[in-house]
Amino acid sequence: MRRTNSFEIVPKSKQAGTILRRLLDASASLWNELTYERRQRFFTGESVWDC
C-alpha cells in the first residue's frame, strides 16, 4: 500500500499561480522521465535504483 500526503496550495497572485503551474509541470515531466528509465531498466534486468 502506498501512502500519500494531499494538500492544497493557493497562490496569492496570478504570477505566483503561473510560476506554480510551471514548477508542477516540470516536476511531473521529471518524474515521468525517471519512471520510464526505471521501467526500461526493470525489463532489461538492470537495477532500477541506479538511474
C-alpha atoms as a PDB file:
ATOM      1  CA  MET A   1       0.000   0.000   0.000  1.00  0.00           C
ATOM      2  CA  ARG A   2       1.309   3.439  -0.907  1.00  0.00           C
ATOM      3  CA  ARG A   3       0.895   6.396   1.365  1.00  0.00           C
ATOM      4  CA  THR A   4       0.381   9.857   0.000  1.00  0.00           C
ATOM      5  CA  ASN A   5       0.017  13.249   1.556  1.00  0.00           C
ATOM      6  CA  SER A   6      -2.518  15.577  -0.013  1.00  0.00           C
ATOM      7  CA  PHE A   7      -2.620  19.303   0.477  1.00  0.00           C
ATOM      8  CA  GLU A   8      -3.934  22.378  -1.267  1.00  0.00           C
ATOM      9  CA  ILE A   9      -1.737  25.258  -2.374  1.00  0.00           C
ATOM     10  CA  VAL A  10      -3.433  28.568  -3.075  1.00  0.00           C
ATOM     11  CA  PRO A  11      -1.261  31.115  -4.894  1.00  0.00           C
ATOM     12  CA  LYS A  12      -1.598  34.688  -3.672  1.00  0.00           C
ATOM     13  CA  SER A  13      -1.240  36.288  -7.100  1.00  0.00           C
ATOM     14  CA  LYS A  14      -1.629  35.496 -10.776  1.00  0.00           C
ATOM     15  CA  GLN A  15       2.164  35.486 -11.212  1.00  0.00           C
ATOM     16  CA  ALA A  16       2.584  33.060  -8.299  1.00  0.00           C
ATOM     17  CA  GLY A  17      -0.044  30.811  -9.903  1.00  0.00           C
ATOM     18  CA  THR A  18       1.816  30.826 -13.212  1.00  0.00           C
ATOM     19  CA  ILE A  19       5.124  30.016 -11.523  1.00  0.00           C
ATOM     20  CA  LEU A  20       3.483  27.241  -9.503  1.00  0.00           C
ATOM     21  CA  ARG A  21       1.970  25.659 -12.627  1.00  0.00           C
ATOM     22  CA  ARG A  22       5.343  25.770 -14.416  1.00  0.00           C
ATOM     23  CA  LEU A  23       7.059  24.202 -11.408  1.00  0.00           C
ATOM     24  CA  LEU A  24       4.447  21.448 -11.146  1.00  0.00           C
ATOM     25  CA  ASP A  25       4.661  20.760 -14.883  1.00  0.00           C
ATOM     26  CA  ALA A  26       8.454  20.485 -14.696  1.00  0.00           C
ATOM     27  CA  SER A  27       8.320  18.165 -11.680  1.00  0.00           C
ATOM     28  CA  ALA A  28       5.752  15.923 -13.405  1.00  0.00           C
ATOM     29  CA  SER A  29       7.977  15.719 -16.504  1.00  0.00           C
ATOM     30  CA  LEU A  30      10.992  14.811 -14.381  1.00  0.00           C
ATOM     31  CA  TRP A  31       9.006  12.145 -12.505  1.00  0.00           C
ATOM     32  CA  ASN A  32       7.782  10.642 -15.801  1.00  0.00           C
ATOM     33  CA  GLU A  33      11.332  10.508 -17.201  1.00  0.00           C
ATOM     34  CA  LEU A  34      12.603   8.769 -14.083  1.00  0.00           C
ATOM     35  CA  THR A  35       9.723   6.280 -14.069  1.00  0.00           C
ATOM     36  CA  TYR A  36      10.300   5.475 -17.753  1.00  0.00           C
ATOM     37  CA  GLU A  37      14.036   4.916 -17.162  1.00  0.00           C
ATOM     38  CA  ARG A  38      13.329   2.634 -14.197  1.00  0.00           C
ATOM     39  CA  ARG A  39      10.765   0.694 -16.236  1.00  0.00           C
ATOM     40  CA  GLN A  40      13.249   0.179 -19.063  1.00  0.00           C
ATOM     41  CA  ARG A  41      15.936  -0.991 -16.614  1.00  0.00           C
ATOM     42  CA  PHE A  42      13.480  -3.371 -14.936  1.00  0.00           C
ATOM     43  CA  PHE A  43      12.674  -5.099 -18.228  1.00  0.00           C
ATOM     44  CA  THR A  44      16.361  -5.469 -19.143  1.00  0.00           C
ATOM     45  CA  GLY A  45      17.183  -6.926 -15.729  1.00  0.00           C
ATOM     46  CA  GLU A  46      19.252  -3.969 -14.524  1.00  0.00           C
ATOM     47  CA  SER A  47      18.972  -2.289 -11.131  1.00  0.00           C
ATOM     48  CA  VAL A  48      16.205   0.299 -11.094  1.00  0.00           C
ATOM     49  CA  TRP A  49      17.865   2.236  -8.258  1.00  0.00           C
ATOM     50  CA  ASP A  50      20.998   3.231 -10.215  1.00  0.00           C
ATOM     51  CA  CYS A  51      19.309   5.657 -12.600  1.00  0.00           C
END
